[in-house]
């Protein structure tokens, strides 16, 4: 089925690559959406760890990431990626951003030639500064209209508990975006659509870095004024970078911009907020990694964001300060005064 042919209906066979918290939750969304629409749908979930896959199949639980949340019986799991991808018309990818490129090289021959590929990832590739949609396009040889992004306030545990959430499906092809949105419209999950892939991706990438900054502030027991200031100026930084890359300002005021930023910066469920808080409390990066079971993408992507901003001549002082802390060039005690160190100017000037 070509993207232009996806005017009606929804996905019939879905492969979700990545059995972490968000990948598993999105598989649940897809299953619940099909049940609500009374549509048949095969949903297969790939995980690299046999013990996680076995528990999903036997107990319909992913206790490693989603505790006691029950999963629909229509979800099956496997460590065999070829079996998961066979015949899938929708391929959803939820793996750590820095591992995406080598994994795509292994998966390329297994993905159906007319499948839509959806990225749930919120990272920028180190070394290339490439967004995930760009990595997918390069490695799979797909045009833009075959690649979509799902982003927004996506705290997996809340969504898995079926707490109402809105999100965004971004694709340059509006029919394809609508097809994906129909496929993941569950009673508790409401997707909107947009063509601004760049803006949606940048919003999801930079908010992780800003959440690290807010978390550090919380770890240093700074108050709500400080955190609100960092969030607001963090949105300005995100907007500057997105606009420099061709994104739209209105996206930054929407779910994939402000919505995702607020959720990630304020919730204890946020991995990046948690990592920042631990750093603020004096833990080293190694100790933070040992305490956390999942990847905090901001730690990996911060340097890439900083490099990209430098190439484009975009001022991002909060990002620069966070990267300096991660590199050991700035202590967490020194971070506070640096966060708002940009030269004086009218607030509305990006």
C-alpha atoms as a PDB file:
ATOM      1  CA  UNK A   1       0.000   0.000   0.000  1.00  0.00           C
ATOM      2  CA  UNK A   2       1.446   3.374  -0.983  1.00  0.00           C
ATOM      3  CA  UNK A   3       1.204   6.360   1.376  1.00  0.00           C
ATOM      4  CA  UNK A   4      -1.224   8.003  -1.018  1.00  0.00           C
ATOM      5  CA  UNK A   5      -3.455   4.938  -0.764  1.00  0.00           C
ATOM      6  CA  UNK A   6      -3.834   5.251   2.990  1.00  0.00           C
ATOM      7  CA  UNK A   7      -6.883   7.471   2.804  1.00  0.00           C
ATOM      8  CA  UNK A   8      -9.055   5.276   5.025  1.00  0.00           C
ATOM      9  CA  UNK A   9      -8.743   2.411   7.468  1.00  0.00           C
ATOM     10  CA  UNK A  10      -5.860   1.690   9.811  1.00  0.00           C
ATOM     11  CA  UNK A  11      -2.931  -0.686  10.234  1.00  0.00           C
ATOM     12  CA  UNK A  12      -3.698  -4.413  10.143  1.00  0.00           C
ATOM     13  CA  UNK A  13      -0.300  -5.866  11.042  1.00  0.00           C
ATOM     14  CA  UNK A  14       2.071  -4.003  13.363  1.00  0.00           C
ATOM     15  CA  UNK A  15       5.627  -4.682  14.432  1.00  0.00           C
ATOM     16  CA  UNK A  16       6.930  -2.784  17.461  1.00  0.00           C
ATOM     17  CA  UNK A  17      10.705  -2.963  17.771  1.00  0.00           C
ATOM     18  CA  UNK A  18      11.703  -2.313  21.362  1.00  0.00           C
ATOM     19  CA  UNK A  19      10.080  -3.788  24.487  1.00  0.00           C
ATOM     20  CA  UNK A  20      11.021  -1.012  26.886  1.00  0.00           C
ATOM     21  CA  UNK A  21       8.431   1.114  28.659  1.00  0.00           C
ATOM     22  CA  UNK A  22       7.387   3.291  25.713  1.00  0.00           C
ATOM     23  CA  UNK A  23       7.545   0.562  23.062  1.00  0.00           C
ATOM     24  CA  UNK A  24       5.429  -1.778  25.188  1.00  0.00           C
ATOM     25  CA  UNK A  25       2.998   1.012  26.056  1.00  0.00           C
ATOM     26  CA  UNK A  26       2.586   1.966  22.408  1.00  0.00           C
ATOM     27  CA  UNK A  27       1.891  -1.677  21.548  1.00  0.00           C
ATOM     28  CA  UNK A  28      -0.850  -1.545  24.195  1.00  0.00           C
ATOM     29  CA  UNK A  29      -2.250   1.649  22.655  1.00  0.00           C
ATOM     30  CA  UNK A  30      -2.376  -0.009  19.232  1.00  0.00           C
ATOM     31  CA  UNK A  31      -4.121  -3.066  20.666  1.00  0.00           C
ATOM     32  CA  UNK A  32      -6.653  -1.005  22.611  1.00  0.00           C
ATOM     33  CA  UNK A  33      -7.286   1.203  19.576  1.00  0.00           C
ATOM     34  CA  UNK A  34      -8.084  -1.851  17.452  1.00  0.00           C
ATOM     35  CA  UNK A  35     -10.377  -3.250  20.130  1.00  0.00           C
ATOM     36  CA  UNK A  36     -12.228   0.078  20.458  1.00  0.00           C
ATOM     37  CA  UNK A  37     -12.727   0.231  16.685  1.00  0.00           C
ATOM     38  CA  UNK A  38     -13.635  -3.476  16.535  1.00  0.00           C
ATOM     39  CA  UNK A  39     -10.918  -4.025  13.927  1.00  0.00           C
ATOM     40  CA  UNK A  40      -8.665  -7.078  13.571  1.00  0.00           C
ATOM     41  CA  UNK A  41      -5.008  -6.307  14.149  1.00  0.00           C
ATOM     42  CA  UNK A  42      -1.886  -8.362  14.682  1.00  0.00           C
ATOM     43  CA  UNK A  43       0.590  -6.743  17.078  1.00  0.00           C
ATOM     44  CA  UNK A  44       4.017  -8.281  17.512  1.00  0.00           C
ATOM     45  CA  UNK A  45       6.596  -6.868  19.896  1.00  0.00           C
ATOM     46  CA  UNK A  46      10.332  -7.460  19.538  1.00  0.00           C
ATOM     47  CA  UNK A  47      12.550  -7.501  22.604  1.00  0.00           C
ATOM     48  CA  UNK A  48      16.196  -8.444  22.926  1.00  0.00           C
ATOM     49  CA  UNK A  49      15.817 -10.062  26.360  1.00  0.00           C
ATOM     50  CA  UNK A  50      14.215 -13.496  26.434  1.00  0.00           C
ATOM     51  CA  UNK A  51      13.003 -13.154  30.020  1.00  0.00           C
ATOM     52  CA  UNK A  52      11.017  -9.985  29.181  1.00  0.00           C
ATOM     53  CA  UNK A  53       9.520 -11.576  26.058  1.00  0.00           C
ATOM     54  CA  UNK A  54       8.589 -14.770  27.903  1.00  0.00           C
ATOM     55  CA  UNK A  55       6.758 -12.866  30.654  1.00  0.00           C
ATOM     56  CA  UNK A  56       4.818 -10.830  28.102  1.00  0.00           C
ATOM     57  CA  UNK A  57       3.668 -14.000  26.345  1.00  0.00           C
ATOM     58  CA  UNK A  58       2.958 -16.018  29.480  1.00  0.00           C
ATOM     59  CA  UNK A  59       1.609 -13.417  31.914  1.00  0.00           C
ATOM     60  CA  UNK A  60       0.708 -10.461  29.657  1.00  0.00           C
ATOM     61  CA  UNK A  61       2.926  -8.250  31.781  1.00  0.00           C
ATOM     62  CA  UNK A  62       6.204  -6.387  31.266  1.00  0.00           C
ATOM     63  CA  UNK A  63       7.121  -6.101  34.920  1.00  0.00           C
ATOM     64  CA  UNK A  64      10.633  -4.880  34.128  1.00  0.00           C
ATOM     65  CA  UNK A  65       9.259  -1.602  32.771  1.00  0.00           C
ATOM     66  CA  UNK A  66       5.512  -1.365  33.447  1.00  0.00           C
ATOM     67  CA  UNK A  67       5.189  -3.182  36.781  1.00  0.00           C
ATOM     68  CA  UNK A  68       1.742  -4.799  37.111  1.00  0.00           C
ATOM     69  CA  UNK A  69       0.029  -3.157  34.116  1.00  0.00           C
ATOM     70  CA  UNK A  70      -1.933  -5.843  32.225  1.00  0.00           C
ATOM     71  CA  UNK A  71      -1.281  -6.051  28.489  1.00  0.00           C
ATOM     72  CA  UNK A  72      -3.912  -7.046  25.906  1.00  0.00           C
ATOM     73  CA  UNK A  73      -3.771 -10.682  24.877  1.00  0.00           C
ATOM     74  CA  UNK A  74      -3.592  -9.586  21.227  1.00  0.00           C
ATOM     75  CA  UNK A  75       0.058  -8.578  21.815  1.00  0.00           C
ATOM     76  CA  UNK A  76       2.640 -11.306  21.223  1.00  0.00           C
ATOM     77  CA  UNK A  77       6.372 -10.919  21.795  1.00  0.00           C
ATOM     78  CA  UNK A  78       9.498 -12.496  20.347  1.00  0.00           C
ATOM     79  CA  UNK A  79      13.268 -12.160  20.270  1.00  0.00           C
ATOM     80  CA  UNK A  80      13.139 -13.150  16.574  1.00  0.00           C
ATOM     81  CA  UNK A  81      13.025  -9.826  14.745  1.00  0.00           C
ATOM     82  CA  UNK A  82      12.367 -11.497  11.369  1.00  0.00           C
ATOM     83  CA  UNK A  83       9.218 -13.140  12.723  1.00  0.00           C
ATOM     84  CA  UNK A  84       8.048  -9.874  14.265  1.00  0.00           C
ATOM     85  CA  UNK A  85       8.568  -7.905  11.039  1.00  0.00           C
ATOM     86  CA  UNK A  86       7.053 -10.455   8.671  1.00  0.00           C
ATOM     87  CA  UNK A  87       4.152  -8.874   6.766  1.00  0.00           C
ATOM     88  CA  UNK A  88       3.931  -5.771   8.990  1.00  0.00           C
ATOM     89  CA  UNK A  89       2.380  -2.757   7.248  1.00  0.00           C
ATOM     90  CA  UNK A  90       3.300  -0.539  10.204  1.00  0.00           C
ATOM     91  CA  UNK A  91       6.749  -0.740  11.799  1.00  0.00           C
ATOM     92  CA  UNK A  92       7.181   1.170  15.065  1.00  0.00           C
ATOM     93  CA  UNK A  93      10.713   1.685  16.376  1.00  0.00           C
ATOM     94  CA  UNK A  94      11.453   2.365  20.054  1.00  0.00           C
ATOM     95  CA  UNK A  95      15.130   1.621  20.665  1.00  0.00           C
ATOM     96  CA  UNK A  96      17.858   3.845  22.171  1.00  0.00           C
ATOM     97  CA  UNK A  97      18.748   6.572  19.679  1.00  0.00           C
ATOM     98  CA  UNK A  98      22.467   5.811  19.599  1.00  0.00           C
ATOM     99  CA  UNK A  99      21.877   2.150  18.674  1.00  0.00           C
ATOM    100  CA  UNK A 100      19.408   2.862  15.867  1.00  0.00           C
ATOM    101  CA  UNK A 101      21.714   3.016  12.846  1.00  0.00           C
ATOM    102  CA  UNK A 102      23.460  -0.369  13.288  1.00  0.00           C
ATOM    103  CA  UNK A 103      20.150  -2.043  14.108  1.00  0.00           C
ATOM    104  CA  UNK A 104      18.487  -0.645  10.987  1.00  0.00           C
ATOM    105  CA  UNK A 105      21.267  -2.144   8.886  1.00  0.00           C
ATOM    106  CA  UNK A 106      20.375  -5.554  10.290  1.00  0.00           C
ATOM    107  CA  UNK A 107      16.627  -5.029   9.838  1.00  0.00           C
ATOM    108  CA  UNK A 108      16.503  -3.404   6.395  1.00  0.00           C
ATOM    109  CA  UNK A 109      15.972  -6.569   4.365  1.00  0.00           C
ATOM    110  CA  UNK A 110      13.232  -7.738   6.748  1.00  0.00           C
ATOM    111  CA  UNK A 111      10.951  -4.681   6.493  1.00  0.00           C
ATOM    112  CA  UNK A 112       8.142  -4.931   3.927  1.00  0.00           C
ATOM    113  CA  UNK A 113       8.757  -2.672   0.904  1.00  0.00           C
ATOM    114  CA  UNK A 114       5.515  -0.714   1.387  1.00  0.00           C
ATOM    115  CA  UNK A 115       5.534  -0.474   5.198  1.00  0.00           C
ATOM    116  CA  UNK A 116       5.202   2.811   7.068  1.00  0.00           C
ATOM    117  CA  UNK A 117       7.930   3.336   9.660  1.00  0.00           C
ATOM    118  CA  UNK A 118       7.179   5.257  12.865  1.00  0.00           C
ATOM    119  CA  UNK A 119       9.811   6.570  15.256  1.00  0.00           C
ATOM    120  CA  UNK A 120       9.030   6.862  18.962  1.00  0.00           C
ATOM    121  CA  UNK A 121      12.621   7.914  19.683  1.00  0.00           C
ATOM    122  CA  UNK A 122      13.627  11.322  21.019  1.00  0.00           C
ATOM    123  CA  UNK A 123      17.331  11.649  20.418  1.00  0.00           C
ATOM    124  CA  UNK A 124      19.981  13.136  18.140  1.00  0.00           C
ATOM    125  CA  UNK A 125      22.733  10.896  16.798  1.00  0.00           C
ATOM    126  CA  UNK A 126      26.202  11.581  18.138  1.00  0.00           C
ATOM    127  CA  UNK A 127      28.775  12.278  15.453  1.00  0.00           C
ATOM    128  CA  UNK A 128      26.281  13.125  12.706  1.00  0.00           C
ATOM    129  CA  UNK A 129      23.788  15.321  14.626  1.00  0.00           C
ATOM    130  CA  UNK A 130      21.096  13.498  12.643  1.00  0.00           C
ATOM    131  CA  UNK A 131      17.473  13.301  13.761  1.00  0.00           C
ATOM    132  CA  UNK A 132      15.988   9.823  13.984  1.00  0.00           C
ATOM    133  CA  UNK A 133      13.847  10.312  10.871  1.00  0.00           C
ATOM    134  CA  UNK A 134      17.016  11.202   8.968  1.00  0.00           C
ATOM    135  CA  UNK A 135      18.800   8.073  10.196  1.00  0.00           C
ATOM    136  CA  UNK A 136      15.796   5.946   9.182  1.00  0.00           C
ATOM    137  CA  UNK A 137      15.672   7.543   5.741  1.00  0.00           C
ATOM    138  CA  UNK A 138      19.399   7.087   5.176  1.00  0.00           C
ATOM    139  CA  UNK A 139      19.612   3.473   6.326  1.00  0.00           C
ATOM    140  CA  UNK A 140      16.329   2.146   4.913  1.00  0.00           C
ATOM    141  CA  UNK A 141      16.318   4.264   1.770  1.00  0.00           C
ATOM    142  CA  UNK A 142      12.788   5.512   2.477  1.00  0.00           C
ATOM    143  CA  UNK A 143      11.248   8.785   1.259  1.00  0.00           C
ATOM    144  CA  UNK A 144       9.941  11.272   3.820  1.00  0.00           C
ATOM    145  CA  UNK A 145       6.317  10.299   3.225  1.00  0.00           C
ATOM    146  CA  UNK A 146       7.011   6.765   4.489  1.00  0.00           C
ATOM    147  CA  UNK A 147       8.432   7.949   7.837  1.00  0.00           C
ATOM    148  CA  UNK A 148       6.454   9.388  10.749  1.00  0.00           C
ATOM    149  CA  UNK A 149       7.152  10.580  14.278  1.00  0.00           C
ATOM    150  CA  UNK A 150       4.948  10.164  17.343  1.00  0.00           C
ATOM    151  CA  UNK A 151       5.767  12.650  20.080  1.00  0.00           C
ATOM    152  CA  UNK A 152       4.242  14.744  22.838  1.00  0.00           C
ATOM    153  CA  UNK A 153       3.846  14.317  26.582  1.00  0.00           C
ATOM    154  CA  UNK A 154       4.577  10.588  26.495  1.00  0.00           C
ATOM    155  CA  UNK A 155       5.248   9.446  30.067  1.00  0.00           C
ATOM    156  CA  UNK A 156       4.800   5.751  29.444  1.00  0.00           C
ATOM    157  CA  UNK A 157       3.570   4.647  32.858  1.00  0.00           C
ATOM    158  CA  UNK A 158       0.747   7.197  32.918  1.00  0.00           C
ATOM    159  CA  UNK A 159      -0.404   6.184  29.443  1.00  0.00           C
ATOM    160  CA  UNK A 160      -0.130   2.495  30.305  1.00  0.00           C
ATOM    161  CA  UNK A 161      -2.435   3.220  33.254  1.00  0.00           C
ATOM    162  CA  UNK A 162      -4.838   4.665  30.661  1.00  0.00           C
ATOM    163  CA  UNK A 163      -4.675   8.207  31.988  1.00  0.00           C
ATOM    164  CA  UNK A 164      -5.938  10.548  29.206  1.00  0.00           C
ATOM    165  CA  UNK A 165      -3.140  11.823  26.981  1.00  0.00           C
ATOM    166  CA  UNK A 166      -2.894  13.729  23.701  1.00  0.00           C
ATOM    167  CA  UNK A 167       0.014  13.349  21.305  1.00  0.00           C
ATOM    168  CA  UNK A 168       1.149  14.257  17.783  1.00  0.00           C
ATOM    169  CA  UNK A 169       1.755  12.199  14.640  1.00  0.00           C
ATOM    170  CA  UNK A 170       4.106  14.045  12.286  1.00  0.00           C
ATOM    171  CA  UNK A 171       4.525  13.068   8.639  1.00  0.00           C
ATOM    172  CA  UNK A 172       5.002  15.050   5.447  1.00  0.00           C
ATOM    173  CA  UNK A 173       2.166  13.026   3.894  1.00  0.00           C
ATOM    174  CA  UNK A 174      -1.127  14.015   5.523  1.00  0.00           C
ATOM    175  CA  UNK A 175      -2.916  10.824   4.439  1.00  0.00           C
ATOM    176  CA  UNK A 176      -0.197   8.675   6.014  1.00  0.00           C
ATOM    177  CA  UNK A 177      -0.302  10.748   9.209  1.00  0.00           C
ATOM    178  CA  UNK A 178      -4.072  10.256   9.390  1.00  0.00           C
ATOM    179  CA  UNK A 179      -3.733   6.516   8.815  1.00  0.00           C
ATOM    180  CA  UNK A 180      -1.274   6.229  11.674  1.00  0.00           C
ATOM    181  CA  UNK A 181      -3.413   8.446  13.908  1.00  0.00           C
ATOM    182  CA  UNK A 182      -6.455   6.238  13.282  1.00  0.00           C
ATOM    183  CA  UNK A 183      -4.336   3.211  14.112  1.00  0.00           C
ATOM    184  CA  UNK A 184      -3.413   4.569  17.559  1.00  0.00           C
ATOM    185  CA  UNK A 185      -6.597   6.345  18.622  1.00  0.00           C
ATOM    186  CA  UNK A 186      -7.484   4.612  21.875  1.00  0.00           C
ATOM    187  CA  UNK A 187     -10.105   5.725  24.427  1.00  0.00           C
ATOM    188  CA  UNK A 188      -7.323   7.290  26.503  1.00  0.00           C
ATOM    189  CA  UNK A 189      -4.898   8.319  23.711  1.00  0.00           C
ATOM    190  CA  UNK A 190      -5.809  11.114  21.299  1.00  0.00           C
ATOM    191  CA  UNK A 191      -3.336  11.798  18.442  1.00  0.00           C
ATOM    192  CA  UNK A 192      -3.304  15.004  16.414  1.00  0.00           C
ATOM    193  CA  UNK A 193      -1.470  15.295  13.091  1.00  0.00           C
ATOM    194  CA  UNK A 194       1.037  17.713  11.599  1.00  0.00           C
ATOM    195  CA  UNK A 195       3.425  17.944   8.660  1.00  0.00           C
ATOM    196  CA  UNK A 196       6.138  19.619  10.763  1.00  0.00           C
ATOM    197  CA  UNK A 197       8.428  16.643  11.264  1.00  0.00           C
ATOM    198  CA  UNK A 198      11.443  18.832  12.061  1.00  0.00           C
ATOM    199  CA  UNK A 199       9.673  20.826  14.764  1.00  0.00           C
ATOM    200  CA  UNK A 200       8.176  17.753  16.394  1.00  0.00           C
ATOM    201  CA  UNK A 201      11.500  15.932  16.488  1.00  0.00           C
ATOM    202  CA  UNK A 202      13.474  18.903  17.799  1.00  0.00           C
ATOM    203  CA  UNK A 203      10.877  19.454  20.522  1.00  0.00           C
ATOM    204  CA  UNK A 204      11.274  15.852  21.640  1.00  0.00           C
ATOM    205  CA  UNK A 205      15.069  15.994  21.534  1.00  0.00           C
ATOM    206  CA  UNK A 206      15.870  19.263  23.302  1.00  0.00           C
ATOM    207  CA  UNK A 207      13.304  18.831  26.081  1.00  0.00           C
ATOM    208  CA  UNK A 208      15.401  15.952  27.407  1.00  0.00           C
ATOM    209  CA  UNK A 209      18.384  18.263  27.857  1.00  0.00           C
ATOM    210  CA  UNK A 210      16.266  20.941  29.514  1.00  0.00           C
ATOM    211  CA  UNK A 211      14.773  18.277  31.822  1.00  0.00           C
ATOM    212  CA  UNK A 212      18.287  17.391  32.949  1.00  0.00           C
ATOM    213  CA  UNK A 213      18.821  21.052  33.868  1.00  0.00           C
ATOM    214  CA  UNK A 214      15.528  21.213  35.796  1.00  0.00           C
ATOM    215  CA  UNK A 215      16.351  17.945  37.543  1.00  0.00           C
ATOM    216  CA  UNK A 216      19.745  19.272  38.598  1.00  0.00           C
ATOM    217  CA  UNK A 217      18.042  22.377  39.992  1.00  0.00           C
ATOM    218  CA  UNK A 218      15.687  20.161  41.971  1.00  0.00           C
ATOM    219  CA  UNK A 219      18.577  18.046  43.217  1.00  0.00           C
ATOM    220  CA  UNK A 220      20.245  21.240  44.445  1.00  0.00           C
ATOM    221  CA  UNK A 221      16.942  22.129  46.180  1.00  0.00           C
ATOM    222  CA  UNK A 222      16.325  25.213  44.075  1.00  0.00           C
ATOM    223  CA  UNK A 223      12.764  26.525  44.097  1.00  0.00           C
ATOM    224  CA  UNK A 224       9.863  26.585  41.668  1.00  0.00           C
ATOM    225  CA  UNK A 225      10.789  30.039  40.367  1.00  0.00           C
ATOM    226  CA  UNK A 226      14.132  28.684  39.197  1.00  0.00           C
ATOM    227  CA  UNK A 227      12.599  25.613  37.593  1.00  0.00           C
ATOM    228  CA  UNK A 228       9.846  27.617  35.866  1.00  0.00           C
ATOM    229  CA  UNK A 229      12.439  30.049  34.532  1.00  0.00           C
ATOM    230  CA  UNK A 230      14.579  27.235  33.132  1.00  0.00           C
ATOM    231  CA  UNK A 231      11.569  25.536  31.521  1.00  0.00           C
ATOM    232  CA  UNK A 232      10.424  28.767  29.888  1.00  0.00           C
ATOM    233  CA  UNK A 233      13.843  29.770  28.611  1.00  0.00           C
ATOM    234  CA  UNK A 234      14.403  26.164  27.610  1.00  0.00           C
ATOM    235  CA  UNK A 235      11.375  26.447  25.358  1.00  0.00           C
ATOM    236  CA  UNK A 236      12.934  29.544  23.800  1.00  0.00           C
ATOM    237  CA  UNK A 237      16.141  27.601  23.127  1.00  0.00           C
ATOM    238  CA  UNK A 238      14.186  24.746  21.602  1.00  0.00           C
ATOM    239  CA  UNK A 239      12.264  27.169  19.406  1.00  0.00           C
ATOM    240  CA  UNK A 240      15.424  28.871  18.157  1.00  0.00           C
ATOM    241  CA  UNK A 241      16.923  25.570  17.072  1.00  0.00           C
ATOM    242  CA  UNK A 242      13.699  24.289  15.508  1.00  0.00           C
ATOM    243  CA  UNK A 243      13.184  27.490  13.511  1.00  0.00           C
ATOM    244  CA  UNK A 244      16.800  27.439  12.325  1.00  0.00           C
ATOM    245  CA  UNK A 245      16.202  23.947  10.930  1.00  0.00           C
ATOM    246  CA  UNK A 246      12.937  24.891   9.207  1.00  0.00           C
ATOM    247  CA  UNK A 247      10.475  23.929  11.940  1.00  0.00           C
ATOM    248  CA  UNK A 248       7.372  25.952  12.741  1.00  0.00           C
ATOM    249  CA  UNK A 249       6.889  28.230  15.747  1.00  0.00           C
ATOM    250  CA  UNK A 250       3.339  26.963  16.343  1.00  0.00           C
ATOM    251  CA  UNK A 251       4.694  23.443  16.888  1.00  0.00           C
ATOM    252  CA  UNK A 252       6.720  24.720  19.825  1.00  0.00           C
ATOM    253  CA  UNK A 253       3.532  25.999  21.466  1.00  0.00           C
ATOM    254  CA  UNK A 254       1.832  22.620  20.997  1.00  0.00           C
ATOM    255  CA  UNK A 255       1.948  19.119  22.398  1.00  0.00           C
ATOM    256  CA  UNK A 256       5.332  18.200  20.930  1.00  0.00           C
ATOM    257  CA  UNK A 257       6.884  21.435  22.178  1.00  0.00           C
ATOM    258  CA  UNK A 258       5.495  22.973  25.347  1.00  0.00           C
ATOM    259  CA  UNK A 259       3.427  19.901  26.269  1.00  0.00           C
ATOM    260  CA  UNK A 260       6.322  17.467  26.151  1.00  0.00           C
ATOM    261  CA  UNK A 261       8.681  19.939  27.804  1.00  0.00           C
ATOM    262  CA  UNK A 262       6.410  20.523  30.802  1.00  0.00           C
ATOM    263  CA  UNK A 263       5.741  16.815  31.330  1.00  0.00           C
ATOM    264  CA  UNK A 264       9.384  15.805  31.041  1.00  0.00           C
ATOM    265  CA  UNK A 265      10.683  18.613  33.230  1.00  0.00           C
ATOM    266  CA  UNK A 266       8.148  18.224  36.023  1.00  0.00           C
ATOM    267  CA  UNK A 267       7.394  14.531  36.432  1.00  0.00           C
ATOM    268  CA  UNK A 268       9.273  12.065  38.656  1.00  0.00           C
ATOM    269  CA  UNK A 269       8.419   9.488  35.974  1.00  0.00           C
ATOM    270  CA  UNK A 270      10.716  11.309  33.531  1.00  0.00           C
ATOM    271  CA  UNK A 271      14.032   9.525  33.090  1.00  0.00           C
ATOM    272  CA  UNK A 272      15.870  12.740  32.200  1.00  0.00           C
ATOM    273  CA  UNK A 273      14.399  14.664  35.128  1.00  0.00           C
ATOM    274  CA  UNK A 274      15.380  11.795  37.430  1.00  0.00           C
ATOM    275  CA  UNK A 275      18.912  11.638  36.024  1.00  0.00           C
ATOM    276  CA  UNK A 276      19.320  15.384  36.502  1.00  0.00           C
ATOM    277  CA  UNK A 277      18.029  15.221  40.067  1.00  0.00           C
ATOM    278  CA  UNK A 278      20.555  12.492  40.902  1.00  0.00           C
ATOM    279  CA  UNK A 279      23.361  14.541  39.370  1.00  0.00           C
ATOM    280  CA  UNK A 280      22.205  17.527  41.401  1.00  0.00           C
ATOM    281  CA  UNK A 281      22.387  15.424  44.541  1.00  0.00           C
ATOM    282  CA  UNK A 282      26.054  14.785  43.860  1.00  0.00           C
ATOM    283  CA  UNK A 283      26.081  11.419  42.077  1.00  0.00           C
ATOM    284  CA  UNK A 284      28.522  10.878  39.235  1.00  0.00           C
ATOM    285  CA  UNK A 285      27.360   9.971  35.734  1.00  0.00           C
ATOM    286  CA  UNK A 286      28.498   6.399  36.348  1.00  0.00           C
ATOM    287  CA  UNK A 287      26.505   6.207  39.569  1.00  0.00           C
ATOM    288  CA  UNK A 288      23.438   7.646  37.846  1.00  0.00           C
ATOM    289  CA  UNK A 289      23.726   4.976  35.167  1.00  0.00           C
ATOM    290  CA  UNK A 290      23.911   2.260  37.794  1.00  0.00           C
ATOM    291  CA  UNK A 291      20.767   3.491  39.562  1.00  0.00           C
ATOM    292  CA  UNK A 292      18.654   3.820  36.402  1.00  0.00           C
ATOM    293  CA  UNK A 293      17.315   0.883  34.407  1.00  0.00           C
ATOM    294  CA  UNK A 294      16.496   2.890  31.274  1.00  0.00           C
ATOM    295  CA  UNK A 295      18.334   5.315  29.014  1.00  0.00           C
ATOM    296  CA  UNK A 296      18.119   9.034  29.758  1.00  0.00           C
ATOM    297  CA  UNK A 297      18.435  10.248  26.163  1.00  0.00           C
ATOM    298  CA  UNK A 298      19.432  13.772  27.180  1.00  0.00           C
ATOM    299  CA  UNK A 299      22.734  12.492  28.566  1.00  0.00           C
ATOM    300  CA  UNK A 300      23.605  10.971  25.191  1.00  0.00           C
ATOM    301  CA  UNK A 301      22.047  13.618  22.926  1.00  0.00           C
ATOM    302  CA  UNK A 302      23.084  16.761  24.812  1.00  0.00           C
ATOM    303  CA  UNK A 303      26.488  16.954  23.133  1.00  0.00           C
ATOM    304  CA  UNK A 304      24.938  16.444  19.681  1.00  0.00           C
ATOM    305  CA  UNK A 305      22.389  19.204  20.318  1.00  0.00           C
ATOM    306  CA  UNK A 306      25.178  21.523  21.470  1.00  0.00           C
ATOM    307  CA  UNK A 307      27.245  20.756  18.358  1.00  0.00           C
ATOM    308  CA  UNK A 308      24.284  21.273  16.029  1.00  0.00           C
ATOM    309  CA  UNK A 309      23.475  24.611  17.647  1.00  0.00           C
ATOM    310  CA  UNK A 310      27.087  25.685  17.164  1.00  0.00           C
ATOM    311  CA  UNK A 311      27.030  24.787  13.479  1.00  0.00           C
ATOM    312  CA  UNK A 312      23.861  26.830  12.985  1.00  0.00           C
ATOM    313  CA  UNK A 313      24.941  29.760  15.142  1.00  0.00           C
ATOM    314  CA  UNK A 314      22.024  29.244  17.543  1.00  0.00           C
ATOM    315  CA  UNK A 315      22.452  30.424  21.134  1.00  0.00           C
ATOM    316  CA  UNK A 316      21.540  27.689  23.631  1.00  0.00           C
ATOM    317  CA  UNK A 317      23.094  28.642  26.990  1.00  0.00           C
ATOM    318  CA  UNK A 318      21.087  26.149  29.069  1.00  0.00           C
ATOM    319  CA  UNK A 319      22.075  23.306  26.771  1.00  0.00           C
ATOM    320  CA  UNK A 320      25.704  24.462  26.843  1.00  0.00           C
ATOM    321  CA  UNK A 321      25.677  24.527  30.640  1.00  0.00           C
ATOM    322  CA  UNK A 322      24.193  21.028  30.905  1.00  0.00           C
ATOM    323  CA  UNK A 323      26.764  19.661  28.449  1.00  0.00           C
ATOM    324  CA  UNK A 324      29.529  21.293  30.498  1.00  0.00           C
ATOM    325  CA  UNK A 325      28.233  19.580  33.646  1.00  0.00           C
ATOM    326  CA  UNK A 326      28.055  16.209  31.872  1.00  0.00           C
ATOM    327  CA  UNK A 327      31.616  16.674  30.613  1.00  0.00           C
ATOM    328  CA  UNK A 328      32.883  17.552  34.095  1.00  0.00           C
ATOM    329  CA  UNK A 329      33.796  21.104  33.041  1.00  0.00           C
ATOM    330  CA  UNK A 330      31.190  22.729  35.293  1.00  0.00           C
ATOM    331  CA  UNK A 331      30.069  21.641  38.750  1.00  0.00           C
ATOM    332  CA  UNK A 332      26.401  21.387  39.680  1.00  0.00           C
ATOM    333  CA  UNK A 333      27.023  24.155  42.220  1.00  0.00           C
ATOM    334  CA  UNK A 334      28.103  26.465  39.409  1.00  0.00           C
ATOM    335  CA  UNK A 335      25.163  25.591  37.155  1.00  0.00           C
ATOM    336  CA  UNK A 336      22.513  27.890  38.634  1.00  0.00           C
ATOM    337  CA  UNK A 337      24.023  31.273  37.709  1.00  0.00           C
ATOM    338  CA  UNK A 338      24.983  29.999  34.247  1.00  0.00           C
ATOM    339  CA  UNK A 339      21.496  28.795  33.275  1.00  0.00           C
ATOM    340  CA  UNK A 340      20.139  32.287  32.675  1.00  0.00           C
ATOM    341  CA  UNK A 341      23.368  33.932  31.557  1.00  0.00           C
ATOM    342  CA  UNK A 342      22.300  35.137  28.111  1.00  0.00           C
ATOM    343  CA  UNK A 343      22.820  38.837  27.423  1.00  0.00           C
ATOM    344  CA  UNK A 344      19.981  41.184  28.366  1.00  0.00           C
ATOM    345  CA  UNK A 345      17.380  41.672  25.642  1.00  0.00           C
ATOM    346  CA  UNK A 346      13.584  41.762  25.176  1.00  0.00           C
ATOM    347  CA  UNK A 347      11.969  38.455  26.115  1.00  0.00           C
ATOM    348  CA  UNK A 348      10.263  37.944  22.758  1.00  0.00           C
ATOM    349  CA  UNK A 349      13.499  38.050  20.778  1.00  0.00           C
ATOM    350  CA  UNK A 350      14.644  34.553  19.869  1.00  0.00           C
END
